[in-house]
Amino acid sequence: MSRKHNYQKKRRQPLAIWLKKYHKSLLLISVSILSFFLVIKATYAWDTYSTSKENKIGNTAFSVKLKEQFTPNNQWEPGRATVKKVYVLNDGNIPAFVRLRAEEFLLLFEMEIETSALSEGSGNVLSKWPVTPTATIERNQVNTWKVNHYYDKQNSGVFYKGEKTIPSSLSIDGKGLVYEWGEAQRQTTDLAFIDLKFGDVAGDDSSFTSNYWRYGNDGYFYYSERLEPGKETSYFLTETFLSPSTPNRIKESLYKLNILMGGDQALKETLSEWGHDSSTDPIYLLLKDKVIPN
């Protein structure tokens, strides 16, 4: 009888205290990825997959999911946009803090240049028919996007040779370029021709007061509110736009954008684990008063 009484007493504790007790041992976190793949000025494909995790303690479930609204088009050409609205849904019954990260990958192929004076190129991607390619580039596996390796276009036996990756280290470690808010490095690469149109994302001079995303200077964008069960965030991303001035050298290139979501309980411990627990930290100041009350 005493054990039953103690158990019932513990269950009546405030949600924040009860979650803190189980926070470390049960890892109530959710991670999801939306993967966006395009072939520039050619046919394209979307690869969307989710690896969200749902954790349950009795009748209490923590679950947040990365969602999208996508309007397909037949080609992605200079001057055209692809609608891709990204947001997060709390479909569990525990309030959550959520954050998103954007990671980009770009692979350019060797071009057929008519004269050395045409630095931007006026021809097409140089088709090759190697007897034995050094390796095969798989369009859905960025760790295979390597310089001097070959891509079999539509499994036709016609190969394109990888000439350049962005970032340059992609050929080595398979990692993309994490989008940094206001980062100058991206603007010095061919990614500058791909404009990511963000939704309710606040800049330094933003007038947003609620329901927006703010960059945390760590590769992640943080939602400004505690996401309650059954609620959705505002849009993080709305579309991608290929600049009309996109040079010919990017023709047929492979581009991939991964949106990574991290979600955890709306506790101060979460802010600490995310590295935002300093009293002067902008993300801490944004969310400290929105933790689950004791």
Protein backbone atom coordinates (compact mmCIF):
# COMPACT_ATOMS: atom_id res chain seq x y z
CA MET A 1 0.00 0.00 0.00
CA SER A 2 2.77 2.43 0.88
CA ARG A 3 4.47 1.87 -2.48
CA LYS A 4 1.26 2.61 -4.33
CA HIS A 5 0.70 5.73 -2.25
CA ASN A 6 4.21 7.01 -2.95
CA TYR A 7 3.85 6.35 -6.67
CA GLN A 8 0.60 8.31 -6.82
CA LYS A 9 2.18 11.14 -4.89
CA LYS A 10 5.06 11.36 -7.35
CA ARG A 11 2.68 11.42 -10.27
CA ARG A 12 1.00 14.50 -8.77
CA GLN A 13 4.25 16.47 -8.88
CA PRO A 14 4.34 19.49 -11.23
CA LEU A 15 5.16 18.50 -14.81
CA ALA A 16 8.45 20.43 -14.86
CA ILE A 17 9.79 18.67 -11.75
CA TRP A 18 8.67 15.25 -12.99
CA LEU A 19 10.26 15.80 -16.42
CA LYS A 20 13.53 17.01 -14.91
CA LYS A 21 13.83 13.77 -12.95
CA TYR A 22 13.51 11.65 -16.09
CA HIS A 23 15.16 14.04 -18.52
CA LYS A 24 18.62 12.44 -18.54
CA SER A 25 17.66 8.81 -18.24
CA LEU A 26 15.09 8.71 -21.04
CA LEU A 27 16.47 11.28 -23.49
CA LEU A 28 13.19 12.88 -24.52
CA ILE A 29 14.53 14.33 -27.72
CA SER A 30 13.36 14.34 -31.30
CA VAL A 31 15.51 14.65 -34.41
CA SER A 32 14.17 14.93 -37.96
CA ILE A 33 15.63 15.74 -41.36
CA LEU A 34 14.00 17.00 -44.54
CA SER A 35 16.28 16.41 -47.49
CA PHE A 36 15.81 18.55 -50.60
CA PHE A 37 17.57 17.50 -53.82
CA LEU A 38 17.68 19.34 -57.15
CA VAL A 39 19.48 19.06 -60.46
CA ILE A 40 20.01 22.59 -61.72
CA LYS A 41 18.40 23.41 -65.09
CA ALA A 42 17.36 19.82 -65.58
CA THR A 43 14.92 17.34 -64.12
CA TYR A 44 14.96 17.13 -60.37
CA ALA A 45 13.78 14.96 -57.53
CA TRP A 46 12.76 15.41 -53.93
CA ASP A 47 13.91 13.11 -51.21
CA THR A 48 12.03 13.63 -47.99
CA TYR A 49 12.60 11.42 -45.03
CA SER A 50 11.97 11.71 -41.34
CA THR A 51 13.77 10.10 -38.44
CA SER A 52 11.71 11.67 -35.69
CA LYS A 53 11.74 9.97 -32.33
CA GLU A 54 8.81 9.61 -29.97
CA ASN A 55 9.35 8.82 -26.30
CA LYS A 56 6.66 7.82 -23.84
CA ILE A 57 6.54 7.74 -20.03
CA GLY A 58 3.26 6.16 -19.07
CA ASN A 59 0.62 8.28 -20.78
CA THR A 60 3.02 11.19 -21.36
CA ALA A 61 4.45 11.37 -24.88
CA PHE A 62 7.04 13.78 -26.27
CA SER A 63 6.91 14.12 -30.04
CA VAL A 64 7.75 17.02 -32.35
CA LYS A 65 7.93 16.60 -36.11
CA LEU A 66 9.47 18.51 -38.98
CA LYS A 67 6.78 19.23 -41.58
CA GLU A 68 6.68 20.68 -45.09
CA GLN A 69 4.39 22.06 -47.76
CA PHE A 70 5.94 21.47 -51.18
CA THR A 71 4.82 22.67 -54.63
CA PRO A 72 6.79 20.76 -57.31
CA ASN A 73 7.88 22.15 -60.65
CA ASN A 74 9.24 20.30 -63.67
CA GLN A 75 12.59 22.08 -63.87
CA TRP A 76 14.67 24.30 -61.67
CA GLU A 77 16.03 27.00 -63.95
CA PRO A 78 17.48 30.48 -63.41
CA GLY A 79 14.76 32.90 -62.40
CA ARG A 80 12.47 30.17 -61.04
CA ALA A 81 11.50 29.41 -57.47
CA THR A 82 10.62 26.14 -55.79
CA VAL A 83 8.06 26.45 -53.00
CA LYS A 84 9.23 24.65 -49.90
CA LYS A 85 7.51 25.69 -46.67
CA VAL A 86 9.13 24.19 -43.59
CA TYR A 87 7.75 24.27 -40.06
CA VAL A 88 7.55 22.16 -36.88
CA LEU A 89 4.52 20.50 -35.28
CA ASN A 90 4.24 19.40 -31.66
CA ASP A 91 2.07 16.29 -31.95
CA GLY A 92 2.88 15.02 -28.47
CA ASN A 93 1.58 16.25 -25.13
CA ILE A 94 4.69 17.87 -23.64
CA PRO A 95 5.65 21.51 -24.34
CA ALA A 96 8.88 21.74 -26.35
CA PHE A 97 11.73 23.98 -27.42
CA VAL A 98 12.75 23.45 -31.06
CA ARG A 99 15.64 24.52 -33.29
CA LEU A 100 16.52 24.07 -36.98
CA ARG A 101 19.73 23.95 -38.99
CA ALA A 102 20.21 24.26 -42.77
CA GLU A 103 23.10 22.42 -44.45
CA GLU A 104 23.89 22.78 -48.17
CA PHE A 105 25.79 20.63 -50.68
CA LEU A 106 26.74 21.47 -54.27
CA LEU A 107 28.57 19.41 -56.90
CA LEU A 108 29.65 20.93 -60.24
CA PHE A 109 30.67 18.87 -63.27
CA GLU A 110 33.36 19.41 -65.87
CA MET A 111 32.14 21.69 -68.65
CA GLU A 112 32.89 21.69 -72.37
CA ILE A 113 34.43 25.11 -73.02
CA GLU A 114 34.85 26.22 -76.63
CA THR A 115 37.60 28.79 -76.02
CA SER A 116 39.66 29.83 -73.05
CA ALA A 117 38.08 33.28 -73.26
CA LEU A 118 34.66 31.92 -72.32
CA SER A 119 35.36 31.63 -68.61
CA GLU A 120 31.69 31.13 -67.77
CA GLY A 121 31.29 28.54 -70.51
CA SER A 122 28.74 28.47 -73.29
CA GLY A 123 28.55 24.73 -73.89
CA ASN A 124 27.17 21.80 -71.97
CA VAL A 125 28.48 19.45 -69.35
CA LEU A 126 31.23 17.34 -70.91
CA SER A 127 29.92 13.82 -71.45
CA LYS A 128 32.35 10.96 -70.96
CA TRP A 129 32.25 7.26 -71.63
CA PRO A 130 35.00 5.86 -69.41
CA VAL A 131 35.61 2.15 -69.67
CA THR A 132 35.88 1.83 -65.90
CA PRO A 133 34.90 4.91 -63.86
CA THR A 134 37.05 5.55 -60.78
CA ALA A 135 33.85 5.64 -58.75
CA THR A 136 30.15 6.25 -59.20
CA ILE A 137 28.54 9.35 -57.75
CA GLU A 138 25.12 8.61 -56.26
CA ARG A 139 22.93 11.67 -56.38
CA ASN A 140 21.18 10.87 -53.10
CA GLN A 141 24.40 10.13 -51.19
CA VAL A 142 26.42 13.29 -50.69
CA ASN A 143 29.37 11.34 -49.29
CA THR A 144 29.91 10.07 -52.86
CA TRP A 145 30.03 13.59 -54.35
CA LYS A 146 33.75 13.68 -55.10
CA VAL A 147 36.02 15.52 -57.50
CA ASN A 148 37.34 13.35 -60.37
CA HIS A 149 34.67 10.73 -59.74
CA TYR A 150 31.87 10.00 -62.19
CA TYR A 151 28.10 10.42 -62.20
CA ASP A 152 26.03 8.17 -64.46
CA LYS A 153 23.28 10.48 -65.72
CA GLN A 154 19.95 8.68 -65.45
CA ASN A 155 21.81 5.35 -65.56
CA SER A 156 22.38 5.87 -69.29
CA GLY A 157 26.05 4.96 -69.40
CA VAL A 158 26.90 8.61 -70.11
CA PHE A 159 29.08 9.91 -67.31
CA TYR A 160 29.73 13.40 -65.95
CA LYS A 161 33.00 14.03 -64.17
CA GLY A 162 32.92 15.82 -60.82
CA GLU A 163 35.00 18.99 -61.01
CA LYS A 164 34.21 20.99 -57.88
CA THR A 165 32.34 20.61 -54.61
CA ILE A 166 31.02 23.24 -52.24
CA PRO A 167 32.23 23.19 -49.64
CA SER A 168 35.58 22.00 -50.97
CA SER A 169 35.92 19.61 -48.02
CA LEU A 170 32.78 17.75 -49.15
CA SER A 171 34.95 15.36 -51.17
CA ILE A 172 36.84 14.50 -47.99
CA ASP A 173 34.40 14.41 -45.10
CA GLY A 174 30.97 14.36 -46.76
CA LYS A 175 29.84 17.38 -44.73
CA GLY A 176 27.97 20.32 -46.20
CA LEU A 177 28.10 24.05 -45.58
CA VAL A 178 25.99 24.96 -42.56
CA TYR A 179 23.99 28.08 -43.29
CA GLU A 180 25.16 30.87 -41.01
CA TRP A 181 22.92 33.91 -40.73
CA GLY A 182 24.79 36.77 -42.40
CA GLU A 183 27.77 34.51 -43.18
CA ALA A 184 30.06 35.99 -45.82
CA GLN A 185 31.65 32.66 -46.85
CA ARG A 186 28.56 31.47 -48.70
CA GLN A 187 28.50 34.63 -50.80
CA THR A 188 31.97 33.87 -52.15
CA THR A 189 30.85 30.52 -53.60
CA ASP A 190 28.41 29.43 -56.28
CA LEU A 191 25.84 28.89 -53.53
CA ALA A 192 25.33 32.64 -53.72
CA PHE A 193 23.20 32.04 -56.84
CA ILE A 194 20.79 29.93 -54.77
CA ASP A 195 18.66 32.19 -52.62
CA LEU A 196 17.04 30.60 -49.58
CA LYS A 197 13.85 32.52 -48.89
CA PHE A 198 13.24 32.39 -45.15
CA GLY A 199 9.92 32.90 -43.44
CA ASP A 200 9.59 34.48 -40.01
CA VAL A 201 13.31 34.66 -39.28
CA ALA A 202 14.47 37.66 -37.27
CA GLY A 203 17.53 39.69 -38.16
CA ASP A 204 19.32 42.15 -35.90
CA ASP A 205 16.93 44.93 -36.90
CA SER A 206 13.80 42.79 -36.91
CA SER A 207 10.45 44.00 -35.62
CA PHE A 208 9.25 40.50 -34.69
CA THR A 209 7.89 40.24 -31.16
CA SER A 210 6.63 36.62 -31.11
CA ASN A 211 6.39 33.42 -33.15
CA TYR A 212 9.63 33.81 -35.07
CA TRP A 213 13.03 32.15 -35.51
CA ARG A 214 16.28 33.66 -34.25
CA TYR A 215 19.81 32.62 -35.13
CA GLY A 216 21.85 31.37 -32.16
CA ASN A 217 25.36 31.89 -33.62
CA ASP A 218 25.92 28.13 -33.45
CA GLY A 219 24.48 26.94 -36.78
CA TYR A 220 20.93 26.66 -35.38
CA PHE A 221 17.83 28.84 -35.56
CA TYR A 222 15.68 28.78 -32.41
CA TYR A 223 11.93 29.20 -32.22
CA SER A 224 11.02 32.12 -30.02
CA GLU A 225 8.19 30.36 -28.18
CA ARG A 226 7.55 27.31 -26.10
CA LEU A 227 5.77 25.06 -28.58
CA GLU A 228 2.64 23.77 -26.92
CA PRO A 229 1.06 20.38 -27.73
CA GLY A 230 -0.98 20.50 -30.92
CA LYS A 231 0.60 23.77 -32.06
CA GLU A 232 2.77 24.59 -35.10
CA THR A 233 5.63 27.02 -35.51
CA SER A 234 5.63 29.78 -38.08
CA TYR A 235 7.40 29.05 -41.37
CA PHE A 236 11.18 28.74 -41.22
CA LEU A 237 11.73 28.42 -44.97
CA THR A 238 9.25 29.32 -47.72
CA GLU A 239 11.07 28.73 -51.03
CA THR A 240 14.38 28.43 -52.85
CA PHE A 241 15.11 30.72 -55.78
CA LEU A 242 17.70 30.27 -58.53
CA SER A 243 19.11 33.63 -59.59
CA PRO A 244 18.56 34.77 -63.21
CA SER A 245 22.30 35.52 -63.33
CA THR A 246 23.26 31.93 -62.56
CA PRO A 247 26.33 31.15 -64.74
CA ASN A 248 26.40 28.33 -67.23
CA ARG A 249 29.07 26.47 -65.26
CA ILE A 250 26.42 25.43 -62.74
CA LYS A 251 24.32 23.69 -65.38
CA GLU A 252 23.36 20.11 -64.43
CA SER A 253 24.96 20.54 -61.00
CA LEU A 254 23.64 18.56 -58.05
CA TYR A 255 22.32 20.58 -55.12
CA LYS A 256 21.06 19.30 -51.81
CA LEU A 257 19.64 21.10 -48.78
CA ASN A 258 19.17 19.30 -45.49
CA ILE A 259 16.99 20.84 -42.79
CA LEU A 260 17.84 19.29 -39.43
CA MET A 261 15.47 19.69 -36.49
CA GLY A 262 16.29 19.29 -32.82
CA GLY A 263 13.53 19.26 -30.24
CA ASP A 264 13.51 18.74 -26.50
CA GLN A 265 11.39 19.51 -23.46
CA ALA A 266 10.85 23.16 -22.57
CA LEU A 267 13.21 23.06 -19.58
CA LYS A 268 16.21 25.09 -18.49
CA GLU A 269 18.22 21.88 -18.73
CA THR A 270 17.55 21.85 -22.47
CA LEU A 271 18.96 25.36 -22.86
CA SER A 272 22.03 24.25 -20.94
CA GLU A 273 22.53 21.15 -23.12
CA TRP A 274 22.24 23.36 -26.20
CA GLY A 275 24.92 25.69 -24.85
CA HIS A 276 22.64 28.63 -24.13
CA ASP A 277 22.59 28.99 -20.35
CA SER A 278 24.56 32.19 -19.87
CA SER A 279 22.62 35.09 -18.34
CA THR A 280 23.70 37.31 -21.24
CA ASP A 281 23.11 34.78 -24.03
CA PRO A 282 20.46 36.04 -26.51
CA ILE A 283 18.78 32.62 -26.86
CA TYR A 284 18.72 32.17 -23.08
CA LEU A 285 17.12 35.60 -22.68
CA LEU A 286 14.62 34.71 -25.41
CA LEU A 287 13.45 31.46 -23.80
CA LYS A 288 14.25 31.58 -20.07
CA ASP A 289 10.80 32.83 -19.09
CA LYS A 290 9.09 30.24 -21.31
CA VAL A 291 10.28 27.09 -19.57
CA ILE A 292 7.64 24.79 -18.09
CA PRO A 293 6.74 26.36 -14.72
CA ASN A 294 7.45 24.46 -11.52
